[in-house]
Amino acid sequence: MKHPHAITLMTLLLAGSAATAQDKSVEVVHWWTSGSEGAALKVLKDDVVKRGFNWKDSAVAGGGGDNARSALKARVASGSPPDAMQMLGYSITEYAEEGLLGNVDAVAASEGWDKVVPLPLQKFAKFKGHWVAAPVNIHRTNWIWANKAIFDELKLTPPKTFDELVAVADKIRKAGYIPLAHGGQPWQDATLFDSAVMSAGGPKFYKEALIDLDPKALSGKTMEKAFEQMQKLRTMVDPAYAGRDWNIATSMIYHKKAAMQIMGDWAKGEFEKGKMKPNQDFLCFQYPGTEGSFIFNADQFGFLKVSDKQMAGQAALASAVMDKHFQEKFNQVKGSIPARTDVAMDGFDECGKKSMSDMKAALKANTMVGSFAHGHAMHDKAKAAATEVVAKFFDSGTSPAEAARQLAAAVAGAK
């Protein structure tokens, strides 16, 4: 028979080890809830668990992340922030400006992040020289995804100009297919606008209007041309587009109901989950008039200010996110490309390889620019005001000249 004190001691030790195990957890708030997104996230969860930490999943559904951002604000206000939060662009900067983010400088320094993360991403991952976030991927928004069977059937080739896109859409409609699969949600309308602005005016104009917020660029003739493109894109969608989630629109391509979708390369993750292969089952090509430019959106995990005992979990997550093997495997599933420039292309499909080589060329040419739709061009307040103008225009159809005036006024009012 064991001594009663020994039993008590054993009980305390077991309780202590259980508490320690419980403490070794990382809580992550994110909005990756579609099938392909969940599959990609599992790669990260498994890596964090291998490093000895429990993954506490706090998913908040909603493709654009607006619901998750609201949930985070409530958590921060109540004094119980998670360890990390999926964040985009200027959202990271704004949280850092409010003093709500910690940093993972020690991990970044020991692993040499400065040398491998492209500078356009570092602009958001760092604040005043400190690494406050870890980039998971690089998405590109100026893609068109197409059902190859429809293109083959109608003997179509990817359009090189916007006028060619209009002509292609007309042929598709006459053949009984929906030309453009689209979901009528403001962030999806804004995603179309990324490409329309770039196509209408090129990288220099895109920067002047959507990044520098130049009033003349926002209200001028070139911006009117961008709204004219939006007007024509509106004629390509089906009547039931309102409120449709992006992945439901992607499934319309998959099921051969629609021919094309203008969407970031997270759409490719849905095709791959459905065992569709590029250039066999689907096509990927740049929105006409945006060749040579790379409009990017990068998911990052921002690290909230937490207690000292939670910092080990944050460091483990940061290291896992930036691990080369993780970056390769995750992005192959997600449809994006790695957030580091030293990951080999070999394991990526043709669309991924094209994206990686296009990004390197755009970095050299200084034509890699942040996505307006996804928070990498302007601060959240201006972005929200501009998105409202774009979405209202897409749904109601005021004149392009009036829309350009409204856009300039909305951005000026939000500064």
Protein backbone atom coordinates (compact mmCIF):
# COMPACT_ATOMS: atom_id res chain seq x y z
CA MET A 1 0.00 0.00 0.00
CA LYS A 2 1.30 3.44 -0.92
CA HIS A 3 1.88 6.04 1.74
CA PRO A 4 -1.01 8.58 1.78
CA HIS A 5 1.45 11.47 1.37
CA ALA A 6 2.88 9.79 -1.75
CA ILE A 7 -0.61 9.61 -3.26
CA THR A 8 -1.18 13.28 -2.47
CA LEU A 9 2.15 14.21 -4.03
CA MET A 10 1.42 12.12 -7.12
CA THR A 11 -1.99 13.78 -7.49
CA LEU A 12 -0.40 17.24 -7.25
CA LEU A 13 2.25 16.36 -9.84
CA LEU A 14 -0.36 15.03 -12.26
CA ALA A 15 -2.53 18.09 -11.73
CA GLY A 16 0.48 20.33 -12.26
CA SER A 17 1.48 18.61 -15.49
CA ALA A 18 -2.11 18.80 -16.75
CA ALA A 19 -2.18 22.52 -15.98
CA THR A 20 1.14 23.00 -17.79
CA ALA A 21 -0.19 21.14 -20.83
CA GLN A 22 -3.28 23.28 -20.75
CA ASP A 23 -1.19 26.46 -20.52
CA LYS A 24 0.79 25.36 -23.61
CA SER A 25 -1.86 26.38 -26.05
CA VAL A 26 -2.11 28.92 -28.85
CA GLU A 27 -5.47 30.54 -29.58
CA VAL A 28 -5.88 31.73 -33.16
CA VAL A 29 -8.81 33.75 -34.54
CA HIS A 30 -9.31 33.35 -38.30
CA TRP A 31 -11.96 33.19 -41.04
CA TRP A 32 -10.67 30.22 -43.03
CA THR A 33 -13.84 28.15 -43.09
CA SER A 34 -14.23 26.95 -46.71
CA GLY A 35 -13.18 23.39 -47.57
CA SER A 36 -9.81 24.24 -49.12
CA GLU A 37 -9.06 26.84 -46.44
CA GLY A 38 -9.75 24.31 -43.66
CA ALA A 39 -7.48 21.78 -45.38
CA ALA A 40 -4.68 24.35 -45.69
CA LEU A 41 -5.03 25.45 -42.06
CA LYS A 42 -4.71 21.84 -40.87
CA VAL A 43 -1.11 21.88 -42.14
CA LEU A 44 -0.35 24.72 -39.69
CA LYS A 45 -2.33 23.18 -36.80
CA ASP A 46 -0.40 19.92 -37.14
CA ASP A 47 2.94 21.76 -37.13
CA VAL A 48 2.05 23.73 -33.99
CA VAL A 49 0.97 20.52 -32.21
CA LYS A 50 4.29 18.87 -33.19
CA ARG A 51 6.03 21.77 -31.45
CA GLY A 52 4.25 20.84 -28.21
CA PHE A 53 1.38 23.35 -28.18
CA ASN A 54 -2.37 22.79 -28.30
CA TRP A 55 -4.11 24.66 -31.11
CA LYS A 56 -7.18 26.50 -29.83
CA ASP A 57 -9.26 27.22 -32.91
CA SER A 58 -11.47 30.33 -32.94
CA ALA A 59 -12.93 30.40 -36.44
CA VAL A 60 -15.39 33.17 -37.38
CA ALA A 61 -17.11 32.52 -40.72
CA GLY A 62 -17.29 35.21 -43.38
CA GLY A 63 -15.10 35.20 -46.49
CA GLY A 64 -13.88 38.78 -46.28
CA GLY A 65 -12.99 38.58 -42.57
CA ASP A 66 -15.29 41.44 -41.46
CA ASN A 67 -17.03 39.25 -38.84
CA ALA A 68 -13.71 38.05 -37.45
CA ARG A 69 -12.43 41.63 -37.16
CA SER A 70 -15.56 42.61 -35.20
CA ALA A 71 -15.08 39.60 -32.91
CA LEU A 72 -11.45 40.58 -32.28
CA LYS A 73 -12.40 44.16 -31.38
CA ALA A 74 -14.85 42.81 -28.79
CA ARG A 75 -12.20 40.45 -27.36
CA VAL A 76 -9.60 43.21 -27.10
CA ALA A 77 -12.13 45.59 -25.49
CA SER A 78 -12.97 42.95 -22.86
CA GLY A 79 -9.28 42.41 -22.05
CA SER A 80 -9.08 38.82 -23.32
CA PRO A 81 -7.25 38.97 -26.66
CA PRO A 82 -6.29 35.73 -28.45
CA ASP A 83 -2.61 34.93 -29.03
CA ALA A 84 -2.85 35.59 -32.76
CA MET A 85 -5.34 36.82 -35.33
CA GLN A 86 -5.49 36.45 -39.08
CA MET A 87 -5.01 40.00 -40.35
CA LEU A 88 -4.66 41.84 -43.62
CA GLY A 89 -2.56 44.86 -44.55
CA TYR A 90 -3.51 48.09 -42.85
CA SER A 91 -5.52 46.26 -40.16
CA ILE A 92 -2.12 45.13 -38.80
CA THR A 93 -0.78 48.69 -38.92
CA GLU A 94 -3.83 50.11 -37.18
CA TYR A 95 -3.68 47.57 -34.33
CA ALA A 96 0.04 48.29 -33.96
CA GLU A 97 -0.62 52.06 -33.88
CA GLU A 98 -3.05 51.46 -31.02
CA GLY A 99 -0.35 49.59 -29.09
CA LEU A 100 -2.27 46.30 -29.17
CA LEU A 101 0.37 44.14 -30.85
CA GLY A 102 3.44 42.50 -29.36
CA ASN A 103 6.35 41.34 -31.50
CA VAL A 104 8.26 38.20 -32.50
CA ASP A 105 11.56 39.96 -33.21
CA ALA A 106 13.68 37.22 -31.58
CA VAL A 107 12.26 34.52 -33.88
CA ALA A 108 12.50 36.79 -36.95
CA ALA A 109 16.14 37.66 -36.22
CA SER A 110 17.25 34.07 -35.55
CA GLU A 111 15.50 32.81 -38.69
CA GLY A 112 16.54 35.69 -41.01
CA TRP A 113 13.06 36.86 -42.10
CA ASP A 114 14.44 40.20 -43.35
CA LYS A 115 16.28 38.44 -46.20
CA VAL A 116 13.42 36.30 -47.49
CA VAL A 117 10.16 38.26 -47.03
CA PRO A 118 9.44 40.62 -49.98
CA LEU A 119 9.60 44.29 -49.00
CA PRO A 120 5.95 45.03 -49.98
CA LEU A 121 4.94 42.45 -47.31
CA GLN A 122 7.41 43.74 -44.73
CA LYS A 123 5.66 47.12 -44.98
CA PHE A 124 2.71 45.48 -43.17
CA ALA A 125 4.41 42.72 -41.14
CA LYS A 126 6.67 45.24 -39.41
CA PHE A 127 5.82 48.33 -37.40
CA LYS A 128 8.54 50.81 -36.42
CA GLY A 129 11.13 48.14 -37.17
CA HIS A 130 9.47 45.39 -35.11
CA TRP A 131 7.99 42.19 -36.56
CA VAL A 132 4.41 42.33 -35.27
CA ALA A 133 3.05 39.72 -37.70
CA ALA A 134 4.14 36.65 -39.65
CA PRO A 135 3.05 36.42 -43.31
CA VAL A 136 1.50 33.09 -44.28
CA ASN A 137 1.13 33.53 -48.02
CA ILE A 138 0.91 35.86 -50.99
CA HIS A 139 -2.35 35.93 -52.92
CA ARG A 140 -2.86 37.66 -56.23
CA THR A 141 -6.20 39.26 -57.04
CA ASN A 142 -5.87 40.08 -60.77
CA TRP A 143 -6.62 36.51 -61.92
CA ILE A 144 -9.42 35.13 -64.06
CA TRP A 145 -10.33 31.47 -63.54
CA ALA A 146 -12.13 29.73 -66.38
CA ASN A 147 -13.81 26.41 -67.12
CA LYS A 148 -11.63 24.88 -69.85
CA ALA A 149 -14.42 22.66 -71.24
CA ILE A 150 -16.54 25.74 -72.03
CA PHE A 151 -13.58 27.55 -73.61
CA ASP A 152 -12.78 24.45 -75.71
CA GLU A 153 -16.39 23.91 -76.72
CA LEU A 154 -16.73 27.51 -77.93
CA LYS A 155 -13.16 27.63 -79.34
CA LEU A 156 -12.26 30.59 -77.09
CA THR A 157 -8.79 31.76 -76.08
CA PRO A 158 -7.98 33.88 -73.00
CA PRO A 159 -8.72 37.54 -73.88
CA LYS A 160 -5.78 39.94 -74.02
CA THR A 161 -7.76 43.20 -73.94
CA PHE A 162 -10.89 44.27 -72.10
CA ASP A 163 -12.78 44.58 -75.41
CA GLU A 164 -11.83 40.96 -76.15
CA LEU A 165 -13.18 39.97 -72.71
CA VAL A 166 -16.51 41.63 -73.56
CA ALA A 167 -16.62 39.75 -76.90
CA VAL A 168 -15.77 36.43 -75.20
CA ALA A 169 -18.51 37.01 -72.60
CA ASP A 170 -21.02 37.67 -75.37
CA LYS A 171 -20.21 34.34 -77.07
CA ILE A 172 -20.49 32.51 -73.73
CA ARG A 173 -23.89 34.06 -72.98
CA LYS A 174 -25.23 33.15 -76.44
CA ALA A 175 -24.13 29.53 -75.85
CA GLY A 176 -26.30 29.37 -72.72
CA TYR A 177 -23.65 29.71 -70.01
CA ILE A 178 -23.21 32.45 -67.41
CA PRO A 179 -20.15 34.47 -68.54
CA LEU A 180 -19.03 35.59 -65.07
CA ALA A 181 -19.58 33.79 -61.75
CA HIS A 182 -19.75 36.48 -59.08
CA GLY A 183 -21.00 36.95 -55.56
CA GLY A 184 -22.69 40.27 -54.81
CA GLN A 185 -20.87 41.10 -51.59
CA PRO A 186 -19.04 44.44 -51.25
CA TRP A 187 -15.58 42.86 -50.88
CA GLN A 188 -16.13 40.79 -54.03
CA ASP A 189 -17.22 43.87 -55.99
CA ALA A 190 -14.08 45.60 -54.71
CA THR A 191 -11.98 42.63 -55.91
CA LEU A 192 -13.26 43.25 -59.45
CA PHE A 193 -12.39 46.93 -58.98
CA ASP A 194 -8.72 46.09 -58.20
CA SER A 195 -8.33 44.72 -61.71
CA ALA A 196 -10.55 47.31 -63.44
CA VAL A 197 -8.45 50.20 -62.07
CA MET A 198 -5.18 48.48 -63.02
CA SER A 199 -6.50 47.64 -66.49
CA ALA A 200 -7.82 51.18 -67.09
CA GLY A 201 -4.70 53.04 -65.97
CA GLY A 202 -1.74 50.73 -65.28
CA PRO A 203 0.48 50.46 -62.15
CA LYS A 204 1.39 54.16 -61.95
CA PHE A 205 -2.26 55.24 -62.01
CA TYR A 206 -3.27 52.47 -59.60
CA LYS A 207 -0.70 53.76 -57.08
CA GLU A 208 -1.72 57.42 -57.55
CA ALA A 209 -5.42 56.67 -57.09
CA LEU A 210 -5.73 53.81 -54.61
CA ILE A 211 -2.51 54.09 -52.59
CA ASP A 212 -1.54 57.79 -52.71
CA LEU A 213 -5.26 58.75 -52.80
CA ASP A 214 -4.66 61.60 -55.22
CA PRO A 215 -8.02 63.44 -55.63
CA LYS A 216 -7.46 64.11 -59.36
CA ALA A 217 -6.68 60.45 -60.04
CA LEU A 218 -9.69 59.31 -57.99
CA SER A 219 -12.12 61.60 -59.81
CA GLY A 220 -10.64 61.83 -63.30
CA LYS A 221 -11.24 60.33 -66.75
CA THR A 222 -9.08 57.25 -66.19
CA MET A 223 -11.11 56.35 -63.10
CA GLU A 224 -14.26 56.78 -65.19
CA LYS A 225 -12.84 54.13 -67.56
CA ALA A 226 -12.42 51.77 -64.58
CA PHE A 227 -16.09 52.28 -63.67
CA GLU A 228 -17.03 51.71 -67.33
CA GLN A 229 -15.32 48.32 -67.08
CA MET A 230 -17.30 47.59 -63.88
CA GLN A 231 -20.50 48.53 -65.74
CA LYS A 232 -19.71 45.98 -68.48
CA LEU A 233 -18.70 43.30 -65.94
CA ARG A 234 -22.10 43.77 -64.32
CA THR A 235 -23.79 42.67 -67.57
CA MET A 236 -21.84 39.37 -67.44
CA VAL A 237 -23.24 38.10 -64.11
CA ASP A 238 -26.47 36.18 -63.52
CA PRO A 239 -29.51 37.75 -61.79
CA ALA A 240 -29.08 35.63 -58.63
CA TYR A 241 -25.63 37.00 -57.74
CA ALA A 242 -26.70 39.05 -54.67
CA GLY A 243 -25.21 37.81 -51.39
CA ARG A 244 -23.54 34.75 -52.95
CA ASP A 245 -20.34 33.59 -51.17
CA TRP A 246 -17.17 33.51 -53.26
CA ASN A 247 -16.73 29.74 -53.01
CA ILE A 248 -20.30 29.18 -54.25
CA ALA A 249 -19.40 31.31 -57.27
CA THR A 250 -16.27 29.17 -57.73
CA SER A 251 -18.43 26.03 -57.67
CA MET A 252 -20.36 27.46 -60.64
CA ILE A 253 -17.13 27.17 -62.66
CA TYR A 254 -16.53 23.68 -61.26
CA HIS A 255 -20.04 22.52 -62.26
CA LYS A 256 -19.84 24.15 -65.73
CA LYS A 257 -22.66 26.60 -65.04
CA ALA A 258 -20.42 29.64 -65.51
CA ALA A 259 -17.33 30.20 -67.64
CA MET A 260 -15.17 32.66 -65.66
CA GLN A 261 -14.58 34.09 -62.20
CA ILE A 262 -12.46 37.14 -61.32
CA MET A 263 -11.10 36.25 -57.90
CA GLY A 264 -7.91 35.90 -55.91
CA ASP A 265 -6.03 32.63 -56.18
CA TRP A 266 -7.74 31.18 -53.13
CA ALA A 267 -10.30 30.11 -55.77
CA LYS A 268 -7.68 27.68 -57.09
CA GLY A 269 -7.67 25.90 -53.74
CA GLU A 270 -11.34 25.02 -54.30
CA PHE A 271 -10.58 23.60 -57.76
CA GLU A 272 -7.72 21.52 -56.41
CA LYS A 273 -9.86 20.20 -53.57
CA GLY A 274 -12.28 19.04 -56.29
CA LYS A 275 -9.38 17.32 -58.14
CA MET A 276 -9.47 19.79 -61.05
CA LYS A 277 -6.13 20.36 -62.74
CA PRO A 278 -4.85 23.59 -64.35
CA ASN A 279 -4.80 23.62 -68.17
CA GLN A 280 -6.77 20.35 -68.16
CA ASP A 281 -9.96 21.28 -66.29
CA PHE A 282 -9.53 24.99 -65.60
CA LEU A 283 -7.54 27.91 -66.98
CA CYS A 284 -5.80 30.73 -65.12
CA PHE A 285 -4.96 33.99 -66.83
CA GLN A 286 -4.49 37.61 -65.83
CA TYR A 287 -7.34 40.08 -66.09
CA PRO A 288 -6.85 41.78 -69.51
CA GLY A 289 -4.69 44.88 -69.29
CA THR A 290 -3.01 43.89 -66.00
CA GLU A 291 -0.16 41.78 -67.41
CA GLY A 292 3.16 42.71 -65.83
CA SER A 293 1.54 43.89 -62.60
CA PHE A 294 0.94 41.87 -59.46
CA ILE A 295 -1.91 43.00 -57.18
CA PHE A 296 -1.27 41.26 -53.88
CA ASN A 297 -3.05 40.37 -50.71
CA ALA A 298 -1.19 38.55 -47.92
CA ASP A 299 -2.74 36.77 -44.97
CA GLN A 300 -0.67 37.30 -41.86
CA PHE A 301 -0.97 36.31 -38.23
CA GLY A 302 -0.75 39.41 -36.07
CA PHE A 303 0.49 38.77 -32.54
CA LEU A 304 -1.57 40.44 -29.83
CA LYS A 305 -0.03 41.80 -26.63
CA VAL A 306 -0.37 38.92 -24.16
CA SER A 307 1.07 37.79 -20.83
CA ASP A 308 4.70 36.60 -20.64
CA LYS A 309 3.65 32.96 -20.26
CA GLN A 310 1.80 33.09 -23.61
CA MET A 311 4.81 34.41 -25.54
CA ALA A 312 6.35 30.94 -25.98
CA GLY A 313 3.22 29.85 -27.83
CA GLN A 314 3.36 32.95 -30.05
CA ALA A 315 7.03 32.24 -30.84
CA ALA A 316 6.19 28.62 -31.75
CA LEU A 317 3.36 29.76 -34.03
CA ALA A 318 5.57 32.42 -35.68
CA SER A 319 8.32 29.89 -36.36
CA ALA A 320 5.79 27.35 -37.69
CA VAL A 321 4.23 29.94 -40.04
CA MET A 322 7.59 30.93 -41.54
CA ASP A 323 8.94 27.38 -41.81
CA LYS A 324 9.92 26.70 -45.46
CA HIS A 325 8.29 23.27 -45.51
CA PHE A 326 5.05 24.70 -44.10
CA GLN A 327 5.08 27.61 -46.58
CA GLU A 328 5.44 25.14 -49.44
CA LYS A 329 2.76 22.64 -48.32
CA PHE A 330 0.25 25.22 -47.07
CA ASN A 331 0.35 27.34 -50.21
CA GLN A 332 0.05 24.35 -52.50
CA VAL A 333 -3.27 23.54 -50.78
CA LYS A 334 -4.44 27.16 -50.39
CA GLY A 335 -3.81 28.20 -53.99
CA SER A 336 -1.47 31.03 -53.00
CA ILE A 337 2.32 31.28 -53.18
CA PRO A 338 4.84 31.39 -50.31
CA ALA A 339 5.55 34.58 -48.37
CA ARG A 340 9.25 33.81 -48.68
CA THR A 341 11.24 34.14 -51.89
CA ASP A 342 13.51 31.12 -51.23
CA VAL A 343 10.90 28.33 -51.55
CA ALA A 344 11.41 26.10 -54.62
CA MET A 345 8.78 26.19 -57.39
CA ASP A 346 8.99 22.46 -58.16
CA GLY A 347 5.97 21.33 -56.12
CA PHE A 348 3.65 24.03 -57.46
CA ASP A 349 1.29 23.69 -60.42
CA GLU A 350 1.47 25.80 -63.58
CA CYS A 351 -0.67 28.60 -62.11
CA GLY A 352 1.45 28.70 -58.95
CA LYS A 353 4.70 28.74 -60.92
CA LYS A 354 3.40 31.56 -63.11
CA SER A 355 2.40 33.54 -60.03
CA MET A 356 5.83 33.05 -58.42
CA SER A 357 7.74 34.10 -61.55
CA ASP A 358 5.36 37.03 -62.19
CA MET A 359 5.85 38.25 -58.62
CA LYS A 360 9.65 38.19 -58.94
CA ALA A 361 9.39 40.17 -62.20
CA ALA A 362 6.96 42.65 -60.59
CA LEU A 363 9.31 43.13 -57.61
CA LYS A 364 12.10 44.09 -60.03
CA ALA A 365 9.83 46.40 -62.05
CA ASN A 366 8.23 47.93 -58.91
CA THR A 367 4.77 46.87 -60.15
CA MET A 368 3.81 44.71 -57.15
CA VAL A 369 1.05 46.73 -55.48
CA GLY A 370 -1.29 46.12 -52.56
CA SER A 371 -4.90 45.13 -53.18
CA PHE A 372 -7.45 47.86 -52.44
CA ALA A 373 -10.18 45.26 -51.90
CA HIS A 374 -8.17 43.35 -49.32
CA GLY A 375 -6.80 46.18 -47.23
CA HIS A 376 -3.31 46.62 -48.69
CA ALA A 377 -3.78 49.97 -50.46
CA MET A 378 -5.47 52.34 -48.00
CA HIS A 379 -6.41 52.47 -44.32
CA ASP A 380 -9.60 50.69 -43.24
CA LYS A 381 -11.73 53.82 -42.92
CA ALA A 382 -11.00 55.02 -46.46
CA LYS A 383 -11.26 51.47 -47.78
CA ALA A 384 -14.72 51.03 -46.23
CA ALA A 385 -15.94 54.34 -47.71
CA ALA A 386 -14.54 53.55 -51.17
CA THR A 387 -15.89 49.98 -51.12
CA GLU A 388 -19.38 51.30 -50.38
CA VAL A 389 -19.22 53.53 -53.48
CA VAL A 390 -17.97 50.66 -55.66
CA ALA A 391 -20.60 48.18 -54.40
CA LYS A 392 -23.46 50.69 -54.80
CA PHE A 393 -22.32 51.47 -58.33
CA PHE A 394 -22.14 47.80 -59.25
CA ASP A 395 -25.66 47.19 -57.96
CA SER A 396 -27.44 50.38 -59.00
CA GLY A 397 -25.54 51.73 -61.99
CA THR A 398 -25.12 55.48 -61.65
CA SER A 399 -22.94 57.02 -64.39
CA PRO A 400 -19.18 56.27 -64.33
CA ALA A 401 -18.46 60.03 -64.08
CA GLU A 402 -20.74 60.36 -61.05
CA ALA A 403 -19.21 57.24 -59.46
CA ALA A 404 -15.70 58.67 -59.85
CA ARG A 405 -16.82 61.92 -58.18
CA GLN A 406 -18.44 59.94 -55.35
CA LEU A 407 -15.28 57.86 -54.91
CA ALA A 408 -13.04 60.93 -54.54
CA ALA A 409 -15.52 62.52 -52.09
CA ALA A 410 -15.83 59.32 -50.00
CA VAL A 411 -12.06 58.92 -49.69
CA ALA A 412 -11.59 62.62 -48.84
CA GLY A 413 -14.26 62.35 -46.14
CA ALA A 414 -12.62 59.29 -44.61
CA LYS A 415 -9.04 60.61 -44.34
